[in-house]
Amino acid sequence: AAPRTLERAHRIADVCETHGVTLPELAMAFPLRH
């Protein structure tokens, strides 16, 4: 992953952690919203 992509993933992980969820949980839920 490019540094910018890695940094973005960490920012998303920060939001997830604030709400008690994880990146994998979010990644699984996101496409199912469509």
Full PDB file with SEQRES, HELIX, SHEET, SSBOND, CRYST1, ORIGX, SCALE, CONECT and MASTER records, all heavy atoms in Angstrom:
SEQRES   1 A   34  ALA ALA PRO ARG THR LEU GLU ARG ALA HIS ARG ILE ALA          
SEQRES   2 A   34  ASP VAL CYS GLU THR HIS GLY VAL THR LEU PRO GLU LEU          
SEQRES   3 A   34  ALA MET ALA PHE PRO LEU ARG HIS                              
HELIX    1 AA1 PRO A    3  THR A   18  1                                  16    
HELIX    2 AA2 LEU A   23  ALA A   29  1                                   7    
HELIX    3 AA3 PRO A   31  ARG A   33  5                                   3    
CRYST1    1.000    1.000    1.000  90.00  90.00  90.00 P 1           1          
ORIGX1      1.000000  0.000000  0.000000        0.00000                         
ORIGX2      0.000000  1.000000  0.000000        0.00000                         
ORIGX3      0.000000  0.000000  1.000000        0.00000                         
SCALE1      1.000000  0.000000  0.000000        0.00000                         
SCALE2      0.000000  1.000000  0.000000        0.00000                         
SCALE3      0.000000  0.000000  1.000000        0.00000                         
ATOM      1  N   ALA A   1       0.838  -1.198   0.000  1.00  0.00           N  
ATOM      2  CA  ALA A   1       0.000   0.000   0.000  1.00  0.00           C  
ATOM      3  C   ALA A   1       0.875   1.251   0.000  1.00  0.00           C  
ATOM      4  O   ALA A   1       1.874   1.321   0.723  1.00  0.00           O  
ATOM      5  CB  ALA A   1      -0.914   0.004   1.220  1.00  0.00           C  
ATOM      6  N   ALA A   2       0.487   2.217  -0.795  1.00  0.00           N  
ATOM      7  CA  ALA A   2       1.180   3.505  -0.817  1.00  0.00           C  
ATOM      8  C   ALA A   2       0.987   4.183   0.542  1.00  0.00           C  
ATOM      9  O   ALA A   2      -0.034   3.957   1.206  1.00  0.00           O  
ATOM     10  CB  ALA A   2       0.619   4.380  -1.925  1.00  0.00           C  
ATOM     11  N   PRO A   3       1.940   5.000   0.964  1.00  0.00           N  
ATOM     12  CA  PRO A   3       1.809   5.668   2.264  1.00  0.00           C  
ATOM     13  C   PRO A   3       0.484   6.419   2.430  1.00  0.00           C  
ATOM     14  O   PRO A   3      -0.138   6.361   3.492  1.00  0.00           O  
ATOM     15  CB  PRO A   3       2.999   6.634   2.295  1.00  0.00           C  
ATOM     16  CG  PRO A   3       4.016   5.990   1.406  1.00  0.00           C  
ATOM     17  CD  PRO A   3       3.219   5.314   0.325  1.00  0.00           C  
ATOM     18  N   ARG A   4       0.028   7.080   1.392  1.00  0.00           N  
ATOM     19  CA  ARG A   4      -1.232   7.828   1.476  1.00  0.00           C  
ATOM     20  C   ARG A   4      -2.421   6.880   1.683  1.00  0.00           C  
ATOM     21  O   ARG A   4      -3.342   7.176   2.443  1.00  0.00           O  
ATOM     22  CB  ARG A   4      -1.414   8.649   0.199  1.00  0.00           C  
ATOM     23  CG  ARG A   4      -2.611   9.527   0.228  1.00  0.00           C  
ATOM     24  CD  ARG A   4      -2.659  10.404  -0.994  1.00  0.00           C  
ATOM     25  NE  ARG A   4      -3.883  11.169  -0.987  1.00  0.00           N  
ATOM     26  CZ  ARG A   4      -4.099  12.201  -1.735  1.00  0.00           C  
ATOM     27  NH1 ARG A   4      -3.170  12.608  -2.577  1.00  0.00           N  
ATOM     28  NH2 ARG A   4      -5.237  12.837  -1.678  1.00  0.00           N  
ATOM     29  N   THR A   5      -2.413   5.738   1.015  1.00  0.00           N  
ATOM     30  CA  THR A   5      -3.479   4.745   1.166  1.00  0.00           C  
ATOM     31  C   THR A   5      -3.450   4.158   2.567  1.00  0.00           C  
ATOM     32  O   THR A   5      -4.490   3.993   3.210  1.00  0.00           O  
ATOM     33  CB  THR A   5      -3.327   3.636   0.110  1.00  0.00           C  
ATOM     34  OG1 THR A   5      -3.365   4.236  -1.189  1.00  0.00           O  
ATOM     35  CG2 THR A   5      -4.416   2.585   0.229  1.00  0.00           C  
ATOM     36  N   LEU A   6      -2.271   3.854   3.066  1.00  0.00           N  
ATOM     37  CA  LEU A   6      -2.115   3.312   4.418  1.00  0.00           C  
ATOM     38  C   LEU A   6      -2.603   4.326   5.456  1.00  0.00           C  
ATOM     39  O   LEU A   6      -3.317   3.970   6.397  1.00  0.00           O  
ATOM     40  CB  LEU A   6      -0.649   2.944   4.647  1.00  0.00           C  
ATOM     41  CG  LEU A   6      -0.321   2.063   5.823  1.00  0.00           C  
ATOM     42  CD1 LEU A   6      -1.101   0.758   5.786  1.00  0.00           C  
ATOM     43  CD2 LEU A   6       1.163   1.778   5.851  1.00  0.00           C  
ATOM     44  N   GLU A   7      -2.276   5.588   5.260  1.00  0.00           N  
ATOM     45  CA  GLU A   7      -2.701   6.641   6.188  1.00  0.00           C  
ATOM     46  C   GLU A   7      -4.227   6.755   6.187  1.00  0.00           C  
ATOM     47  O   GLU A   7      -4.852   6.899   7.235  1.00  0.00           O  
ATOM     48  CB  GLU A   7      -2.050   7.970   5.786  1.00  0.00           C  
ATOM     49  CG  GLU A   7      -2.278   9.096   6.781  1.00  0.00           C  
ATOM     50  CD  GLU A   7      -3.518   9.934   6.474  1.00  0.00           C  
ATOM     51  OE1 GLU A   7      -3.900  10.023   5.291  1.00  0.00           O  
ATOM     52  OE2 GLU A   7      -4.104  10.481   7.410  1.00  0.00           O  
ATOM     53  N   ARG A   8      -4.841   6.662   5.027  1.00  0.00           N  
ATOM     54  CA  ARG A   8      -6.304   6.731   4.923  1.00  0.00           C  
ATOM     55  C   ARG A   8      -6.947   5.556   5.662  1.00  0.00           C  
ATOM     56  O   ARG A   8      -7.936   5.729   6.379  1.00  0.00           O  
ATOM     57  CB  ARG A   8      -6.725   6.753   3.460  1.00  0.00           C  
ATOM     58  CG  ARG A   8      -8.214   6.922   3.252  1.00  0.00           C  
ATOM     59  CD  ARG A   8      -8.522   6.993   1.755  1.00  0.00           C  
ATOM     60  NE  ARG A   8      -9.925   7.086   1.497  1.00  0.00           N  
ATOM     61  CZ  ARG A   8     -10.611   8.200   1.400  1.00  0.00           C  
ATOM     62  NH1 ARG A   8     -10.005   9.358   1.529  1.00  0.00           N  
ATOM     63  NH2 ARG A   8     -11.912   8.186   1.175  1.00  0.00           N  
ATOM     64  N   ALA A   9      -6.390   4.366   5.499  1.00  0.00           N  
ATOM     65  CA  ALA A   9      -6.914   3.192   6.200  1.00  0.00           C  
ATOM     66  C   ALA A   9      -6.801   3.376   7.720  1.00  0.00           C  
ATOM     67  O   ALA A   9      -7.711   2.994   8.466  1.00  0.00           O  
ATOM     68  CB  ALA A   9      -6.181   1.930   5.756  1.00  0.00           C  
ATOM     69  N   HIS A  10      -5.725   3.990   8.177  1.00  0.00           N  
ATOM     70  CA  HIS A  10      -5.574   4.259   9.615  1.00  0.00           C  
ATOM     71  C   HIS A  10      -6.597   5.290  10.094  1.00  0.00           C  
ATOM     72  O   HIS A  10      -7.118   5.166  11.209  1.00  0.00           O  
ATOM     73  CB  HIS A  10      -4.148   4.716   9.932  1.00  0.00           C  
ATOM     74  CG  HIS A  10      -3.197   3.582  10.027  1.00  0.00           C  
ATOM     75  ND1 HIS A  10      -3.112   2.756  11.126  1.00  0.00           N  
ATOM     76  CD2 HIS A  10      -2.283   3.112   9.143  1.00  0.00           C  
ATOM     77  CE1 HIS A  10      -2.196   1.837  10.926  1.00  0.00           C  
ATOM     78  NE2 HIS A  10      -1.680   2.027   9.721  1.00  0.00           N  
ATOM     79  N   ARG A  11      -6.905   6.269   9.276  1.00  0.00           N  
ATOM     80  CA  ARG A  11      -7.927   7.252   9.644  1.00  0.00           C  
ATOM     81  C   ARG A  11      -9.299   6.584   9.744  1.00  0.00           C  
ATOM     82  O   ARG A  11     -10.080   6.882  10.649  1.00  0.00           O  
ATOM     83  CB  ARG A  11      -7.958   8.401   8.636  1.00  0.00           C  
ATOM     84  CG  ARG A  11      -6.738   9.313   8.752  1.00  0.00           C  
ATOM     85  CD  ARG A  11      -6.770  10.467   7.766  1.00  0.00           C  
ATOM     86  NE  ARG A  11      -7.995  11.260   7.894  1.00  0.00           N  
ATOM     87  CZ  ARG A  11      -8.564  11.890   6.878  1.00  0.00           C  
ATOM     88  NH1 ARG A  11      -8.060  11.836   5.652  1.00  0.00           N  
ATOM     89  NH2 ARG A  11      -9.668  12.593   7.075  1.00  0.00           N  
ATOM     90  N   ILE A  12      -9.588   5.669   8.824  1.00  0.00           N  
ATOM     91  CA  ILE A  12     -10.844   4.925   8.887  1.00  0.00           C  
ATOM     92  C   ILE A  12     -10.857   4.055  10.147  1.00  0.00           C  
ATOM     93  O   ILE A  12     -11.861   3.984  10.856  1.00  0.00           O  
ATOM     94  CB  ILE A  12     -11.065   4.087   7.611  1.00  0.00           C  
ATOM     95  CG1 ILE A  12     -11.236   5.007   6.409  1.00  0.00           C  
ATOM     96  CG2 ILE A  12     -12.267   3.148   7.772  1.00  0.00           C  
ATOM     97  CD1 ILE A  12     -11.204   4.307   5.057  1.00  0.00           C  
ATOM     98  N   ALA A  13      -9.732   3.421  10.451  1.00  0.00           N  
ATOM     99  CA  ALA A  13      -9.627   2.592  11.665  1.00  0.00           C  
ATOM    100  C   ALA A  13      -9.849   3.441  12.917  1.00  0.00           C  
ATOM    101  O   ALA A  13     -10.472   2.973  13.881  1.00  0.00           O  
ATOM    102  CB  ALA A  13      -8.266   1.904  11.722  1.00  0.00           C  
ATOM    103  N   ASP A  14      -9.366   4.690  12.913  1.00  0.00           N  
ATOM    104  CA  ASP A  14      -9.594   5.586  14.055  1.00  0.00           C  
ATOM    105  C   ASP A  14     -11.089   5.792  14.295  1.00  0.00           C  
ATOM    106  O   ASP A  14     -11.562   5.720  15.433  1.00  0.00           O  
ATOM    107  CB  ASP A  14      -8.939   6.954  13.815  1.00  0.00           C  
ATOM    108  CG  ASP A  14      -7.422   6.916  13.827  1.00  0.00           C  
ATOM    109  OD1 ASP A  14      -6.839   5.951  14.360  1.00  0.00           O  
ATOM    110  OD2 ASP A  14      -6.816   7.871  13.287  1.00  0.00           O  
ATOM    111  N   VAL A  15     -11.836   6.052  13.215  1.00  0.00           N  
ATOM    112  CA  VAL A  15     -13.286   6.242  13.335  1.00  0.00           C  
ATOM    113  C   VAL A  15     -13.927   4.957  13.837  1.00  0.00           C  
ATOM    114  O   VAL A  15     -14.776   4.983  14.739  1.00  0.00           O  
ATOM    115  CB  VAL A  15     -13.901   6.690  11.988  1.00  0.00           C  
ATOM    116  CG1 VAL A  15     -15.427   6.706  12.063  1.00  0.00           C  
ATOM    117  CG2 VAL A  15     -13.367   8.064  11.582  1.00  0.00           C  
ATOM    118  N   CYS A  16     -13.509   3.819  13.284  1.00  0.00           N  
ATOM    119  CA  CYS A  16     -14.052   2.531  13.726  1.00  0.00           C  
ATOM    120  C   CYS A  16     -13.836   2.331  15.220  1.00  0.00           C  
ATOM    121  O   CYS A  16     -14.773   1.978  15.953  1.00  0.00           O  
ATOM    122  CB  CYS A  16     -13.392   1.386  12.957  1.00  0.00           C  
ATOM    123  SG  CYS A  16     -13.920   1.233  11.249  1.00  0.00           S  
ATOM    124  N   GLU A  17     -12.605   2.551  15.675  1.00  0.00           N  
ATOM    125  CA  GLU A  17     -12.280   2.343  17.093  1.00  0.00           C  
ATOM    126  C   GLU A  17     -13.118   3.224  18.003  1.00  0.00           C  
ATOM    127  O   GLU A  17     -13.532   2.796  19.081  1.00  0.00           O  
ATOM    128  CB  GLU A  17     -10.790   2.589  17.331  1.00  0.00           C  
ATOM    129  CG  GLU A  17      -9.929   1.486  16.770  1.00  0.00           C  
ATOM    130  CD  GLU A  17      -8.436   1.776  16.874  1.00  0.00           C  
ATOM    131  OE1 GLU A  17      -8.049   2.805  17.472  1.00  0.00           O  
ATOM    132  OE2 GLU A  17      -7.657   0.972  16.342  1.00  0.00           O  
ATOM    133  N   THR A  18     -13.398   4.444  17.568  1.00  0.00           N  
ATOM    134  CA  THR A  18     -14.229   5.352  18.358  1.00  0.00           C  
ATOM    135  C   THR A  18     -15.603   4.744  18.624  1.00  0.00           C  
ATOM    136  O   THR A  18     -16.208   4.989  19.664  1.00  0.00           O  
ATOM    137  CB  THR A  18     -14.392   6.704  17.614  1.00  0.00           C  
ATOM    138  OG1 THR A  18     -13.108   7.288  17.454  1.00  0.00           O  
ATOM    139  CG2 THR A  18     -15.294   7.652  18.364  1.00  0.00           C  
ATOM    140  N   HIS A  19     -16.079   3.932  17.695  1.00  0.00           N  
ATOM    141  CA  HIS A  19     -17.412   3.339  17.806  1.00  0.00           C  
ATOM    142  C   HIS A  19     -17.386   1.857  18.178  1.00  0.00           C  
ATOM    143  O   HIS A  19     -18.426   1.187  18.123  1.00  0.00           O  
ATOM    144  CB  HIS A  19     -18.167   3.535  16.486  1.00  0.00           C  
ATOM    145  CG  HIS A  19     -18.432   4.972  16.190  1.00  0.00           C  
ATOM    146  ND1 HIS A  19     -19.438   5.683  16.789  1.00  0.00           N  
ATOM    147  CD2 HIS A  19     -17.786   5.847  15.369  1.00  0.00           C  
ATOM    148  CE1 HIS A  19     -19.416   6.935  16.354  1.00  0.00           C  
ATOM    149  NE2 HIS A  19     -18.425   7.053  15.485  1.00  0.00           N  
ATOM    150  N   GLY A  20     -16.212   1.335  18.508  1.00  0.00           N  
ATOM    151  CA  GLY A  20     -16.117  -0.060  18.948  1.00  0.00           C  
ATOM    152  C   GLY A  20     -16.272  -1.089  17.844  1.00  0.00           C  
ATOM    153  O   GLY A  20     -16.708  -2.205  18.111  1.00  0.00           O  
ATOM    154  N   VAL A  21     -15.934  -0.716  16.613  1.00  0.00           N  
ATOM    155  CA  VAL A  21     -15.959  -1.670  15.505  1.00  0.00           C  
ATOM    156  C   VAL A  21     -14.567  -1.730  14.874  1.00  0.00           C  
ATOM    157  O   VAL A  21     -13.696  -0.937  15.201  1.00  0.00           O  
ATOM    158  CB  VAL A  21     -17.035  -1.315  14.443  1.00  0.00           C  
ATOM    159  CG1 VAL A  21     -18.422  -1.337  15.054  1.00  0.00           C  
ATOM    160  CG2 VAL A  21     -16.766   0.015  13.800  1.00  0.00           C  
ATOM    161  N   THR A  22     -14.377  -2.683  13.973  1.00  0.00           N  
ATOM    162  CA  THR A  22     -13.068  -2.855  13.341  1.00  0.00           C  
ATOM    163  C   THR A  22     -13.157  -2.649  11.834  1.00  0.00           C  
ATOM    164  O   THR A  22     -14.245  -2.691  11.256  1.00  0.00           O  
ATOM    165  CB  THR A  22     -12.519  -4.273  13.604  1.00  0.00           C  
ATOM    166  OG1 THR A  22     -13.360  -5.220  12.942  1.00  0.00           O  
ATOM    167  CG2 THR A  22     -12.410  -4.579  15.098  1.00  0.00           C  
ATOM    168  N   LEU A  23     -12.011  -2.457  11.215  1.00  0.00           N  
ATOM    169  CA  LEU A  23     -11.962  -2.337   9.756  1.00  0.00           C  
ATOM    170  C   LEU A  23     -12.574  -3.544   9.060  1.00  0.00           C  
ATOM    171  O   LEU A  23     -13.366  -3.361   8.128  1.00  0.00           O  
ATOM    172  CB  LEU A  23     -10.516  -2.159   9.281  1.00  0.00           C  
ATOM    173  CG  LEU A  23      -9.964  -0.751   9.249  1.00  0.00           C  
ATOM    174  CD1 LEU A  23      -8.490  -0.782   8.829  1.00  0.00           C  
ATOM    175  CD2 LEU A  23     -10.739   0.139   8.320  1.00  0.00           C  
ATOM    176  N   PRO A  24     -12.249  -4.786   9.456  1.00  0.00           N  
ATOM    177  CA  PRO A  24     -12.874  -5.927   8.777  1.00  0.00           C  
ATOM    178  C   PRO A  24     -14.401  -5.927   8.915  1.00  0.00           C  
ATOM    179  O   PRO A  24     -15.112  -6.250   7.956  1.00  0.00           O  
ATOM    180  CB  PRO A  24     -12.258  -7.154   9.450  1.00  0.00           C  
ATOM    181  CG  PRO A  24     -10.969  -6.673  10.010  1.00  0.00           C  
ATOM    182  CD  PRO A  24     -11.208  -5.242  10.397  1.00  0.00           C  
ATOM    183  N   GLU A  25     -14.906  -5.562  10.085  1.00  0.00           N  
ATOM    184  CA  GLU A  25     -16.357  -5.499  10.259  1.00  0.00           C  
ATOM    185  C   GLU A  25     -16.963  -4.457   9.317  1.00  0.00           C  
ATOM    186  O   GLU A  25     -17.987  -4.702   8.677  1.00  0.00           O  
ATOM    187  CB  GLU A  25     -16.694  -5.161  11.713  1.00  0.00           C  
ATOM    188  CG  GLU A  25     -16.347  -6.261  12.676  1.00  0.00           C  
ATOM    189  CD  GLU A  25     -16.394  -5.854  14.131  1.00  0.00           C  
ATOM    190  OE1 GLU A  25     -16.459  -4.640  14.441  1.00  0.00           O  
ATOM    191  OE2 GLU A  25     -16.357  -6.766  14.987  1.00  0.00           O  
ATOM    192  N   LEU A  26     -16.322  -3.319   9.227  1.00  0.00           N  
ATOM    193  CA  LEU A  26     -16.792  -2.252   8.350  1.00  0.00           C  
ATOM    194  C   LEU A  26     -16.708  -2.675   6.880  1.00  0.00           C  
ATOM    195  O   LEU A  26     -17.640  -2.448   6.106  1.00  0.00           O  
ATOM    196  CB  LEU A  26     -15.967  -0.989   8.584  1.00  0.00           C  
ATOM    197  CG  LEU A  26     -16.483   0.275   7.931  1.00  0.00           C  
ATOM    198  CD1 LEU A  26     -17.677   0.819   8.711  1.00  0.00           C  
ATOM    199  CD2 LEU A  26     -15.389   1.312   7.853  1.00  0.00           C  
ATOM    200  N   ALA A  27     -15.586  -3.311   6.521  1.00  0.00           N  
ATOM    201  CA  ALA A  27     -15.395  -3.743   5.129  1.00  0.00           C  
ATOM    202  C   ALA A  27     -16.453  -4.764   4.714  1.00  0.00           C  
ATOM    203  O   ALA A  27     -16.889  -4.770   3.564  1.00  0.00           O  
ATOM    204  CB  ALA A  27     -13.994  -4.326   4.948  1.00  0.00           C  
ATOM    205  N   MET A  28     -16.876  -5.607   5.646  1.00  0.00           N  
ATOM    206  CA  MET A  28     -17.923  -6.583   5.333  1.00  0.00           C  
ATOM    207  C   MET A  28     -19.289  -5.920   5.232  1.00  0.00           C  
ATOM    208  O   MET A  28     -20.103  -6.280   4.380  1.00  0.00           O  
ATOM    209  CB  MET A  28     -17.959  -7.680   6.391  1.00  0.00           C  
ATOM    210  CG  MET A  28     -16.795  -8.617   6.306  1.00  0.00           C  
ATOM    211  SD  MET A  28     -16.995  -9.910   7.549  1.00  0.00           S  
ATOM    212  CE  MET A  28     -15.588 -10.924   7.173  1.00  0.00           C  
ATOM    213  N   ALA A  29     -19.553  -4.949   6.075  1.00  0.00           N  
ATOM    214  CA  ALA A  29     -20.870  -4.310   6.109  1.00  0.00           C  
ATOM    215  C   ALA A  29     -21.069  -3.330   4.958  1.00  0.00           C  
ATOM    216  O   ALA A  29     -22.187  -3.187   4.454  1.00  0.00           O  
ATOM    217  CB  ALA A  29     -21.059  -3.584   7.442  1.00  0.00           C  
ATOM    218  N   PHE A  30     -20.018  -2.645   4.542  1.00  0.00           N  
ATOM    219  CA  PHE A  30     -20.156  -1.570   3.563  1.00  0.00           C  
ATOM    220  C   PHE A  30     -20.816  -1.999   2.253  1.00  0.00           C  
ATOM    221  O   PHE A  30     -21.802  -1.382   1.841  1.00  0.00           O  
ATOM    222  CB  PHE A  30     -18.808  -0.904   3.303  1.00  0.00           C  
ATOM    223  CG  PHE A  30     -18.885   0.201   2.298  1.00  0.00           C  
ATOM    224  CD1 PHE A  30     -19.496   1.399   2.614  1.00  0.00           C  
ATOM    225  CD2 PHE A  30     -18.378   0.037   1.021  1.00  0.00           C  
ATOM    226  CE1 PHE A  30     -19.595   2.422   1.686  1.00  0.00           C  
ATOM    227  CE2 PHE A  30     -18.458   1.050   0.080  1.00  0.00           C  
ATOM    228  CZ  PHE A  30     -19.079   2.248   0.409  1.00  0.00           C  
ATOM    229  N   PRO A  31     -20.328  -3.026   1.563  1.00  0.00           N  
ATOM    230  CA  PRO A  31     -20.967  -3.353   0.279  1.00  0.00           C  
ATOM    231  C   PRO A  31     -22.411  -3.818   0.433  1.00  0.00           C  
ATOM    232  O   PRO A  31     -23.230  -3.624  -0.471  1.00  0.00           O  
ATOM    233  CB  PRO A  31     -20.089  -4.457  -0.307  1.00  0.00           C  
ATOM    234  CG  PRO A  31     -19.295  -4.983   0.825  1.00  0.00           C  
ATOM    235  CD  PRO A  31     -19.196  -3.892   1.839  1.00  0.00           C  
ATOM    236  N   LEU A  32     -22.734  -4.396   1.576  1.00  0.00           N  
ATOM    237  CA  LEU A  32     -24.095  -4.902   1.789  1.00  0.00           C  
ATOM    238  C   LEU A  32     -25.115  -3.778   1.960  1.00  0.00           C  
ATOM    239  O   LEU A  32     -26.318  -4.030   1.939  1.00  0.00           O  
ATOM    240  CB  LEU A  32     -24.115  -5.841   2.996  1.00  0.00           C  
ATOM    241  CG  LEU A  32     -23.322  -7.134   2.793  1.00  0.00           C  
ATOM    242  CD1 LEU A  32     -23.181  -7.887   4.109  1.00  0.00           C  
ATOM    243  CD2 LEU A  32     -23.957  -8.005   1.722  1.00  0.00           C  
ATOM    244  N   ARG A  33     -24.651  -2.557   2.063  1.00  0.00           N  
ATOM    245  CA  ARG A  33     -25.552  -1.405   2.173  1.00  0.00           C  
ATOM    246  C   ARG A  33     -26.151  -1.032   0.816  1.00  0.00           C  
ATOM    247  O   ARG A  33     -27.144  -0.325   0.758  1.00  0.00           O  
ATOM    248  CB  ARG A  33     -24.809  -0.222   2.786  1.00  0.00           C  
ATOM    249  CG  ARG A  33     -24.287  -0.545   4.191  1.00  0.00           C  
ATOM    250  CD  ARG A  33     -23.552   0.619   4.802  1.00  0.00           C  
ATOM    251  NE  ARG A  33     -24.444   1.709   5.123  1.00  0.00           N  
ATOM    252  CZ  ARG A  33     -25.296   1.744   6.146  1.00  0.00           C  
ATOM    253  NH1 ARG A  33     -25.391   0.720   6.958  1.00  0.00           N  
ATOM    254  NH2 ARG A  33     -26.075   2.794   6.355  1.00  0.00           N  
ATOM    255  N   HIS A  34     -25.541  -1.505  -0.251  1.00  0.00           N  
ATOM    256  CA  HIS A  34     -26.057  -1.190  -1.585  1.00  0.00           C  
ATOM    257  C   HIS A  34     -27.157  -2.190  -1.932  1.00  0.00           C  
ATOM    258  O   HIS A  34     -26.994  -3.399  -1.746  1.00  0.00           O  
ATOM    259  CB  HIS A  34     -24.941  -1.247  -2.624  1.00  0.00           C  
ATOM    260  CG  HIS A  34     -25.342  -0.649  -3.926  1.00  0.00           C  
ATOM    261  ND1 HIS A  34     -26.177  -1.296  -4.809  1.00  0.00           N  
ATOM    262  CD2 HIS A  34     -25.059   0.554  -4.468  1.00  0.00           C  
ATOM    263  CE1 HIS A  34     -26.379  -0.525  -5.846  1.00  0.00           C  
ATOM    264  NE2 HIS A  34     -25.710   0.610  -5.676  1.00  0.00           N  
TER     265      HIS A  34                                                      
MASTER        0    0    0    3    0    0    0    6  264    1    0    3          
END                                                                             
